[in-house]
Amino acid sequence: MVPRSLLRIFGASLFVLVTGGSWFYRAQERQVRARASADLESIARSKVAQIVQWRAERIGDAAVLMGSPLFGEAVLRLLADPGSGDAERIMTHFRAMQEHYPYRDIVLMDGRGRVVLRPAGKTDDFAAPVLRALDRAMGWAQPVVSDVFQEAGSPSPEAVVVAPLCAGSAVGAPFAIVLLPVDVQHFLYPVTQTWPTPTRTGEALFVRRDGDDVLFLNPLRHDGQAAFRLRIPLTQRGVPAVEAVLGRTGIVEGKDYTGTPVLAALAAVPDSPWFIVTKIDTEEALEDWRSRAKLIVAVLVLLAGAVGSLIGLIWLQRGKYRTLLEAAAALREREARLRDVLELNEKLLGAATAGIEVFKASGRCVMANATAARVVGGTVEALLRQDFRQIPSWRKSGLLAAAERTLAARQVHQIEISLHTTFGRDLWLDCALSPFEAGGEPHLLLIFHDVTRSKQAEALRTQLSQIIESTSDFVATASPEGRIRYFNRTARRLFGLGDGDDPGTHSIEKSHPAWAAKRVQEEGIPAAIRDGTWTGETAFVSHDGREIPHTQVIVAHRGPDGAVAMISTVARDISQRKKNEELMQARLRLMEAAPSVSLKGFLQLALDEIEARTGSTIGFYHFMDADQETLTLQAWSTNTVRHMCTAEGQGQHYPISKAGVWVDCVRERRPVIHNDYAALAHKRGLPAGHAPILRQLVVPILRGERIVAIIGVGNKPAGYDQPDVEIALLLGDFSWEVVERKRAEEALMVSQQRLQLAVETAGIGIWDWDIGRNTVEWDAQMHRFYGLQPRGDRRIDFQQWAEAVLPEDLPEQLRILQGIAHNGGRSEREFRIRRADNGAIRHMQAAEVCVTDVDGHPVHVVGVNLDITKGKVEAQALAQEAERRRVLFEQSQDGIVVLDLAGEVVELNRAFADMLGYSVEEAQRLCVWDWDDQMPKPKLLAKLVSLAEVGATFETRHRRKNGQLLDVEVSSGGVDWRGRTLVFAVHRDISLRKIMETRQHRLLAELSRSNTDLEQFAYVASHDLKSPLRAIDSLAGWLQEDLESVLTGDSRKHLDLLRQRAHRMERLLDDLLAYSRAGRVPADIVQVDVARLVREIAEMINPPAGFIVRLDPPTPVFATAVTPLRQVLTNLIANAIKHHDRSAGLIEIAVREAGEWFEFTVADDGPGIPPDFHERIFGMFQTLRPRDEIEGSGIGLALVRRIVARYGGKATVSCREPRGSIFRFQWPKTVLTDESQS
């Protein structure tokens, strides 16, 4: 019988094997399934990412079209004018997009959905997905990618990118839409048909929901014709494609479209109705697991058989094992006792603080304790495997030689070594080697202590001591009571102590200035005792009495009992830092002051800073001219000007060759110090008023090899040294940087002012087009050109410029600008605009250049505009004038000929040839003496030279071809034409005029006789008629006197009327005589004072008491014919008084200059004259009231107009507000004599 214990062992073993095998079996299955799921999800995410990227690229293409102003403007022009020629340019653009991008059959529609441009053969009917995409794009004003679809009869499915075009940046209804069809076979299908790893059943499905079905959009591995044909109802749950459309994501298991069990990953494509399903047959997914499962089962069966075999073998050998077990029990007892002994030894060895190793003489280690292993950084087992004769560190450190000596001499040896162990540690060991025998063999006992830390501490102390001694910082220690115990080398040097001098001779009070000692004792040491450390700024007094600023740290060191055992201090010399800080503050002050002061003021500030830093009392700043030979004084320091020096020198030039010791720095090209100025042998005298010089420092400021300036300071109480040189150089160099900048700013300001003046004077407008931002910036002149009001940022919309350009000029301008923006370069062009404010058409000339970045990409286009309207108009006028002159030249009735100084014909018109009776060809071969034989040829040529110089108009006779003589008038002058001096002569046939002049002379003689007879007749008539009128008047007067007592009222009235009519008739005769003489009676030219003339006329007229005649200043004094001027003014003033409707009135007379004339005005405040009578009153015998109501003949104003007209002027009348009339007449400033006028 098999013992029950063996059976229980066998059963337990089988249970463990089966349980563990089952767990391992399932774990392997889960691992394989998880890996397959992760692969499917990764593939699905990758394909979704590729599709999202593809959609983004398509939307980006659409956005580029939408954002292109040039494309949008071309479309707008096409919509406005289909025959504008933009259709071909747009189609060329579409063809370029089809060539470089995956688009086909691009279509352009207007904002109402009507097709404007389409490829040949393309219909206007669109699939439902396209129409839905159009609605979304037009509603959102954003690019949209349609769903994938396949039209009937189409060889492949497609999607359409819809790009709505909106006006400017406004959000509203698009004015046009571009459809960009994409063949999905070029990208989407390859994405779904690829698989990153070899597979038999792996497949990606591209699906979307279509009503209550799932529609497959791509060809399938098991059905190449499934695209847009295969549908699965949504009620068929468990199919991965159905689960994806219903919103499930991640890993699912189910059956695919063929009914095969599959493992699938589901993912939705963002912003689209599409879903991606990556699947693989379950059988292929778990294929690796099934292979492992077979191996696991086989291993479990073999293990179970092995366990059974082992149990059977144990049962068969149970007798032998009993004897062995008894022997083993005895052996275990002996081993227990030995273990106790070994345990005790191990405890002893383990408790030892020293490392212990025992080696045989052959070199093998037979024992090692844990301390030895810990010290060398290894394990006991590793030490037991060592042979000390083979350890490299023993040989290098000398330990091997000591061991061999110990074994050979059988004496104890002690050695201190440094070695690098085989376990990678660097150690200092204190070793004791002892020989002994065990088991008849010689052994070596090695006991060692790790003294590495003490060695390191000792080395550290030595290093610290060296560092403290060699540091540039001040280091000292003192007792708690303040007695100095130690000074390092820096401290000893500071106080002038030797290496062997006792530092205890110094104290805190002796080491520090009073203020610093007080701070250390009252603040520093108490704070260090209280807080452990204290840090602050103090100072030390050096052995030569200088106070040197330091930053000081005081540390209180406590002993084991907590009491302060020592005080140490470390201090650092901060004098240089202080100087640097002061210099930086000085630089900062100069930098802050530079923008607000002049160049001279800045130089004075710089000198003041250098003076303050160096302790000087005088300073000067000279500029070096470009010739490196002449210095110019630019500035004195403030203290120099106020207190030290009264010598003049601002702006004066000093030749270096004649200057004194103060230019030694220029000669030696380095800073120069003169601490004993008086002892210098080559010094020269100082100008009057110059401050005395005790010592000086002068430094040159260099730029490259050139000295640009020198700076000098002087009269420091102590001698100048190297720190002073450094201060002067540092601040001087900085000041020159500011000088250069201020000079550059001044030059730039002058240049900008000159440029601005030139631009404004030339009337040039400047603009800047930022290509990236598509913004245009104009200056004020550009806004004035285009009649626009500038905004605050001076920017305009590109569309504003395009709208201002005339439509017929705009396409060419856009083409040029687009070429510049794309390809760079420069261009010049001309175009026309319509101003926005008044609609005026202006001609513009433009020039622009493209600005690129460092990579050569265009970033800006900068250009100018110039209004050339005036030039264009003048050019057109010149062309018209040239044409007019050509026509006049050819069509002129006068003969025109151009001659050179040799008398030969250069050019002539047909009228001149006809005038002489020649043809044009014959006349071209003539010379001046051929038609002008009135003087010899030499005189003719001399006359041509004279005419070329001064010109003249004269009469002469030409001989015609038939020999007849022709009277002509010649107007001639010289012209320079293409380097030649020519004579231009106009010939007019005056034969008829000569005849008419003869007749005119005869008629004028007859007219003169008639005028004389008429004047004589008028005079005789006036005289003969006046005699009976006077007789009638006298007779009527006698009758009234004689018959006064018997006359009735009617008779008396009739006699008064008879006398009035006689008087009127007499005045009429006087006026007629004056009118007939007006302009014909010679008048003397005398100097006339208008003010005096008006006073005389007023006195002569003697107006009633209520009337005032006023003359407004200024009044001229000039030479003229006084009699006619007096007659005109007298008539106008008398009329104003005579026709007034009141007993009082004002007559105002004024004179003003109007070019070559004086304009006289005579204004009254009477009843005025209706506008309908303004011309009538200047006629003969015209009055506004019956003659019985007012005295007058009606000839006065007619006489005024005739006299004024005789002297070339005009006489007019106008109404005066609120009442009255204003008479105006023009009188020449210069009156010719009557003979000249006639």
Foldseek 3Di string as FASTA:
>chain_A
DADVVLVVVLVVVLVVLVVVLVVVLVVLLVVLLVVLQVQQQVLQVVLLVQVLVVVVVLLVVLVVCQPDPLNVVLVVVCVVPVPPPSLVVVVVVVVVCVVVDQFDFKWKFFLVQHTDDTDPPDDSDDDPQVVVQVVVCQVFVGKDKTDWDDDPPRPAIWIKIKRFHCDDPDDHGGGMIMITIGGCVVPSQVSQQDDPDDADFKGKWKWFDDPQWIQTQAQTPVGRPRHRPDIDGLVPPQAVSSCQNVPDFGWGWGAYPVRATKIWGKDANPPDRIIMIIIGGPCRSCVVSVVVSVVSVVVSVVSSVVSVVVSVVCSVCVVVVVVVVVVVVVVVVVVVVVVVVVVVVLVVQQVDCWWKWKAFPQFATDFTHQNNCVVLVHGRVVNRRGGRVPWVFCVVFVVVVVQVCCVVVQDKDWDWTWTQGPNGDTFIKTWIWGWDDDPNTIMIMIIIHTCRVVVVVVVVVVVVLVCQQPPLKWKWKDFLVFFTQDTHNNRCQQAVHDPPDGSRVDGLPQFFPPVQSCCCVVPFSVCQLVPQKDWDKGWTQGNVGDTFIKIKMKGFDADPVRHGGMIMMIIDGCNVVVLVVLLVVLLVVLVVCLVPDDLLVSVQSLQVSLCVSQVFQWKWKWWQDPVLFKIFTDYIHPSCVPPFFDDDGHGHIDGPVPAFPLCVCSVVVAKDKFQAVVPDPGGDDDDPRGGDFGIKIKGFADDVPGTTMIMMTGDRVHGDDDVSRVSCHVSVNSSVVSVVVVVVVVVVVVVVVVVVVVCVVQLKKKKKQFVVVRKMATDPSVCVVQVHDADPRRIDHPVVVLQFFDPVFNVVVSVVVVCCQAPWAKDKDKTWGQRPPPRDIWIKIKIWGFDADPVRHTGMIMMMIGTCRVVVVVVVVVVVVVVVVVCCQAVPLWKKFKFALQQATPDIYQNNCVVQPHGRVVNNGDGPCQWAVVDDPVVVSVVQVVQQVPWDWDWDWTQHPVGDIFIWIKGWYWDADPNGIMIIIIIDGCPVVVVVVVVVVVVVVVVVVVLVVVLVVLVCCLVVVLVVLVVLLVVLVVCCVVCVPPDDPVRVVVSVVSNLVSVLVNVLSVLVSLLSCQLPDWFDWDWDFVVVLVVVLCVVLVADPQEDEEEDDDTDIATDRSVLVSLLVNLLVNVLRQQAPDRHWYWYWYWDDDPQKIKIKIKIQGAADPPVCFPVLLDFQDDPDDCVVGPDRSNSNVSNQSNLVSQPKGWTKDADPPGTIMIMMIHGRDGDGSVVSD
